[in-house]
């Protein structure tokens, strides 16, 4: 039982949320496609654009399974130019 509690604490410690700046103006469909794609990547928990600030994206992930640079590369692989602003 204590092993499970330790695992949950470790998982929580590895959770990071970053802000990503997207240079292109994406329409609703492209934003939905991109966030859905990112959320399907192993290690990414959530991906969403900020309401009313569609050039900013919040991505929560497990830093033990994927890096912020990997996330940026995945966004760029969708022909979307993005830069890491930093962690929250």
N, C-alpha and C. Protein backbone atom coordinates (compact mmCIF):
# COMPACT_ATOMS: atom_id res chain seq x y z
N UNK A 1 0.82 -1.20 0.00
CA UNK A 1 0.00 0.00 0.00
C UNK A 1 0.86 1.26 0.00
N UNK A 2 1.95 1.28 0.74
CA UNK A 2 2.79 2.47 0.78
C UNK A 2 3.49 2.69 -0.55
N UNK A 3 3.77 1.62 -1.30
CA UNK A 3 4.37 1.77 -2.63
C UNK A 3 3.47 2.56 -3.55
N UNK A 4 2.18 2.36 -3.45
CA UNK A 4 1.22 3.08 -4.28
C UNK A 4 1.21 4.57 -3.93
N UNK A 5 1.21 4.89 -2.65
CA UNK A 5 1.22 6.29 -2.23
C UNK A 5 2.50 6.96 -2.70
N UNK A 6 3.62 6.27 -2.60
CA UNK A 6 4.89 6.82 -3.06
C UNK A 6 4.84 7.08 -4.57
N UNK A 7 4.26 6.16 -5.33
CA UNK A 7 4.16 6.31 -6.78
C UNK A 7 3.32 7.54 -7.13
N UNK A 8 2.20 7.73 -6.43
CA UNK A 8 1.36 8.89 -6.70
C UNK A 8 2.10 10.18 -6.39
N UNK A 9 2.83 10.23 -5.27
CA UNK A 9 3.60 11.42 -4.92
C UNK A 9 4.66 11.71 -5.97
N UNK A 10 5.33 10.66 -6.44
CA UNK A 10 6.37 10.83 -7.45
C UNK A 10 5.77 11.33 -8.77
N UNK A 11 4.61 10.77 -9.15
CA UNK A 11 3.95 11.22 -10.37
C UNK A 11 3.59 12.69 -10.27
N UNK A 12 3.09 13.11 -9.13
CA UNK A 12 2.70 14.51 -8.93
C UNK A 12 3.93 15.41 -8.99
N UNK A 13 5.06 14.96 -8.47
CA UNK A 13 6.28 15.76 -8.47
C UNK A 13 6.82 15.95 -9.88
N UNK A 14 6.52 15.04 -10.78
CA UNK A 14 6.99 15.13 -12.16
C UNK A 14 6.08 15.96 -13.05
N UNK A 15 4.92 16.38 -12.56
CA UNK A 15 3.97 17.17 -13.36
C UNK A 15 4.49 18.60 -13.51
N UNK A 16 4.51 19.06 -14.74
CA UNK A 16 4.94 20.42 -15.06
C UNK A 16 3.93 21.01 -16.03
N UNK A 17 3.70 22.30 -15.91
CA UNK A 17 2.85 23.00 -16.88
C UNK A 17 3.68 24.12 -17.51
N UNK A 18 3.68 24.17 -18.82
CA UNK A 18 4.44 25.19 -19.53
C UNK A 18 3.51 26.07 -20.35
N UNK A 19 4.02 27.25 -20.68
CA UNK A 19 3.32 28.16 -21.59
C UNK A 19 4.10 28.17 -22.89
N UNK A 20 3.38 28.00 -23.98
CA UNK A 20 3.96 27.97 -25.32
C UNK A 20 3.35 29.11 -26.12
N UNK A 21 4.19 29.87 -26.81
CA UNK A 21 3.72 30.93 -27.70
C UNK A 21 3.63 30.39 -29.12
N UNK A 22 2.45 30.50 -29.72
CA UNK A 22 2.22 30.05 -31.10
C UNK A 22 2.18 31.28 -31.99
N UNK A 23 3.05 31.31 -33.00
CA UNK A 23 3.16 32.49 -33.85
C UNK A 23 2.01 32.62 -34.85
N UNK A 24 1.54 31.51 -35.39
CA UNK A 24 0.48 31.57 -36.38
C UNK A 24 -0.88 31.82 -35.73
N UNK A 25 -1.77 32.42 -36.50
CA UNK A 25 -3.15 32.55 -36.06
C UNK A 25 -3.89 31.33 -36.57
N UNK A 26 -4.27 30.46 -35.65
CA UNK A 26 -4.95 29.23 -36.00
C UNK A 26 -6.45 29.39 -35.79
N UNK A 27 -7.23 28.80 -36.70
CA UNK A 27 -8.68 28.83 -36.51
C UNK A 27 -9.08 27.76 -35.49
N UNK A 28 -10.36 27.72 -35.14
CA UNK A 28 -10.84 26.79 -34.12
C UNK A 28 -10.49 25.34 -34.45
N UNK A 29 -10.69 24.95 -35.68
CA UNK A 29 -10.44 23.56 -36.08
C UNK A 29 -8.96 23.20 -35.93
N UNK A 30 -8.08 24.09 -36.34
CA UNK A 30 -6.65 23.82 -36.22
C UNK A 30 -6.19 23.81 -34.77
N UNK A 31 -6.75 24.68 -33.94
CA UNK A 31 -6.42 24.67 -32.52
C UNK A 31 -6.88 23.36 -31.88
N UNK A 32 -8.10 22.93 -32.21
CA UNK A 32 -8.62 21.67 -31.67
C UNK A 32 -7.78 20.49 -32.12
N UNK A 33 -7.38 20.49 -33.38
CA UNK A 33 -6.55 19.41 -33.90
C UNK A 33 -5.21 19.35 -33.18
N UNK A 34 -4.59 20.51 -32.99
CA UNK A 34 -3.28 20.55 -32.35
C UNK A 34 -3.36 20.13 -30.88
N UNK A 35 -4.34 20.64 -30.14
CA UNK A 35 -4.45 20.27 -28.73
C UNK A 35 -4.82 18.78 -28.59
N UNK A 36 -5.66 18.28 -29.47
CA UNK A 36 -5.99 16.86 -29.43
C UNK A 36 -4.78 15.99 -29.71
N UNK A 37 -3.98 16.39 -30.69
CA UNK A 37 -2.76 15.65 -31.01
C UNK A 37 -1.80 15.65 -29.83
N UNK A 38 -1.57 16.81 -29.23
CA UNK A 38 -0.64 16.89 -28.10
C UNK A 38 -1.13 16.05 -26.93
N UNK A 39 -2.43 16.12 -26.64
CA UNK A 39 -2.98 15.37 -25.52
C UNK A 39 -2.86 13.86 -25.72
N UNK A 40 -2.72 13.42 -26.97
CA UNK A 40 -2.60 12.00 -27.24
C UNK A 40 -1.17 11.48 -27.09
N UNK A 41 -0.22 12.37 -26.92
CA UNK A 41 1.19 11.97 -26.79
C UNK A 41 1.43 11.42 -25.38
N UNK A 42 2.14 10.31 -25.33
CA UNK A 42 2.47 9.69 -24.05
C UNK A 42 3.25 10.67 -23.18
N UNK A 43 2.74 10.94 -21.99
CA UNK A 43 3.40 11.85 -21.07
C UNK A 43 2.73 13.21 -20.98
N UNK A 44 1.91 13.56 -21.98
CA UNK A 44 1.19 14.84 -21.95
C UNK A 44 -0.18 14.61 -21.32
N UNK A 45 -0.49 15.39 -20.29
CA UNK A 45 -1.77 15.26 -19.60
C UNK A 45 -2.85 16.11 -20.27
N UNK A 46 -2.54 17.39 -20.48
CA UNK A 46 -3.51 18.30 -21.09
C UNK A 46 -2.79 19.30 -21.99
N UNK A 47 -3.53 19.79 -22.96
CA UNK A 47 -3.04 20.86 -23.83
C UNK A 47 -4.25 21.71 -24.18
N UNK A 48 -4.14 23.01 -23.96
CA UNK A 48 -5.27 23.89 -24.26
C UNK A 48 -4.76 25.30 -24.55
N UNK A 49 -5.51 26.00 -25.38
CA UNK A 49 -5.20 27.39 -25.65
C UNK A 49 -5.87 28.25 -24.60
N UNK A 50 -5.26 29.37 -24.25
CA UNK A 50 -5.83 30.31 -23.29
C UNK A 50 -7.03 31.00 -23.93
N UNK A 51 -8.13 31.07 -23.20
CA UNK A 51 -9.29 31.79 -23.74
C UNK A 51 -8.95 33.26 -24.02
N UNK A 52 -9.32 33.73 -25.17
CA UNK A 52 -9.12 35.10 -25.63
C UNK A 52 -7.65 35.44 -25.91
N UNK A 53 -6.77 34.49 -25.72
CA UNK A 53 -5.34 34.66 -26.05
C UNK A 53 -4.91 33.41 -26.81
N UNK A 54 -5.39 33.31 -28.04
CA UNK A 54 -5.20 32.09 -28.82
C UNK A 54 -3.78 31.90 -29.30
N UNK A 55 -2.88 32.81 -28.97
CA UNK A 55 -1.47 32.63 -29.31
C UNK A 55 -0.71 31.97 -28.15
N UNK A 56 -1.39 31.74 -27.02
CA UNK A 56 -0.76 31.11 -25.87
C UNK A 56 -1.41 29.76 -25.58
N UNK A 57 -0.57 28.78 -25.36
CA UNK A 57 -1.04 27.43 -25.10
C UNK A 57 -0.45 26.95 -23.77
N UNK A 58 -1.26 26.28 -22.98
CA UNK A 58 -0.82 25.67 -21.73
C UNK A 58 -0.74 24.16 -21.95
N UNK A 59 0.39 23.59 -21.61
CA UNK A 59 0.59 22.15 -21.77
C UNK A 59 1.08 21.58 -20.44
N UNK A 60 0.34 20.62 -19.91
CA UNK A 60 0.75 19.95 -18.69
C UNK A 60 1.28 18.57 -19.07
N UNK A 61 2.44 18.22 -18.52
CA UNK A 61 3.07 16.95 -18.89
C UNK A 61 3.88 16.38 -17.74
N UNK A 62 4.31 15.15 -17.91
CA UNK A 62 5.15 14.45 -16.95
C UNK A 62 6.59 14.56 -17.43
N UNK A 63 7.41 15.32 -16.72
CA UNK A 63 8.78 15.55 -17.16
C UNK A 63 9.65 14.31 -17.07
N UNK A 64 9.17 13.28 -16.44
CA UNK A 64 9.88 12.01 -16.40
C UNK A 64 9.66 11.19 -17.66
N UNK A 65 8.67 11.58 -18.47
CA UNK A 65 8.34 10.83 -19.68
C UNK A 65 8.56 11.59 -20.97
N UNK A 66 8.54 12.92 -20.90
CA UNK A 66 8.71 13.76 -22.09
C UNK A 66 9.29 15.10 -21.65
N UNK A 67 10.02 15.76 -22.53
CA UNK A 67 10.61 17.06 -22.19
C UNK A 67 9.85 18.19 -22.87
N UNK A 68 10.08 19.39 -22.39
CA UNK A 68 9.45 20.56 -23.01
C UNK A 68 9.93 20.73 -24.44
N UNK A 69 11.19 20.42 -24.70
CA UNK A 69 11.72 20.53 -26.07
C UNK A 69 11.06 19.51 -27.00
N UNK A 70 10.75 18.33 -26.48
CA UNK A 70 10.02 17.33 -27.28
C UNK A 70 8.64 17.86 -27.65
N UNK A 71 7.99 18.54 -26.70
CA UNK A 71 6.67 19.09 -26.96
C UNK A 71 6.75 20.17 -28.04
N UNK A 72 7.73 21.06 -27.94
CA UNK A 72 7.91 22.10 -28.96
C UNK A 72 8.16 21.46 -30.32
N UNK A 73 8.98 20.43 -30.36
CA UNK A 73 9.25 19.74 -31.64
C UNK A 73 7.99 19.13 -32.21
N UNK A 74 7.14 18.58 -31.36
CA UNK A 74 5.88 17.99 -31.84
C UNK A 74 4.96 19.08 -32.40
N UNK A 75 4.91 20.22 -31.77
CA UNK A 75 4.10 21.34 -32.29
C UNK A 75 4.65 21.79 -33.64
N UNK A 76 5.98 21.98 -33.69
CA UNK A 76 6.61 22.42 -34.94
C UNK A 76 6.44 21.40 -36.06
N UNK A 77 6.33 20.11 -35.72
CA UNK A 77 6.13 19.08 -36.75
C UNK A 77 4.77 19.21 -37.43
N UNK A 78 3.87 19.97 -36.84
CA UNK A 78 2.56 20.25 -37.43
C UNK A 78 2.56 21.56 -38.22
N UNK A 79 3.73 21.99 -38.64
CA UNK A 79 3.91 23.23 -39.38
C UNK A 79 3.35 24.43 -38.62
N UNK A 80 3.53 24.40 -37.31
CA UNK A 80 3.15 25.51 -36.44
C UNK A 80 4.42 25.97 -35.74
N UNK A 81 4.74 27.24 -35.90
CA UNK A 81 5.94 27.80 -35.30
C UNK A 81 5.61 28.21 -33.86
N UNK A 82 6.33 27.60 -32.91
CA UNK A 82 6.05 27.86 -31.49
C UNK A 82 7.35 27.92 -30.71
N UNK A 83 7.30 28.69 -29.63
CA UNK A 83 8.44 28.80 -28.73
C UNK A 83 7.98 28.58 -27.30
N UNK A 84 8.87 28.03 -26.52
CA UNK A 84 8.62 27.84 -25.09
C UNK A 84 8.78 29.19 -24.40
N UNK A 85 7.76 29.59 -23.65
CA UNK A 85 7.87 30.81 -22.84
C UNK A 85 8.42 30.43 -21.48
N UNK A 86 7.92 29.37 -20.89
CA UNK A 86 8.45 28.91 -19.61
C UNK A 86 7.43 28.15 -18.81
N UNK A 87 7.86 27.65 -17.66
CA UNK A 87 6.93 26.93 -16.78
C UNK A 87 6.02 27.90 -16.04
N UNK A 88 4.92 27.38 -15.57
CA UNK A 88 3.99 28.18 -14.76
C UNK A 88 4.41 28.05 -13.32
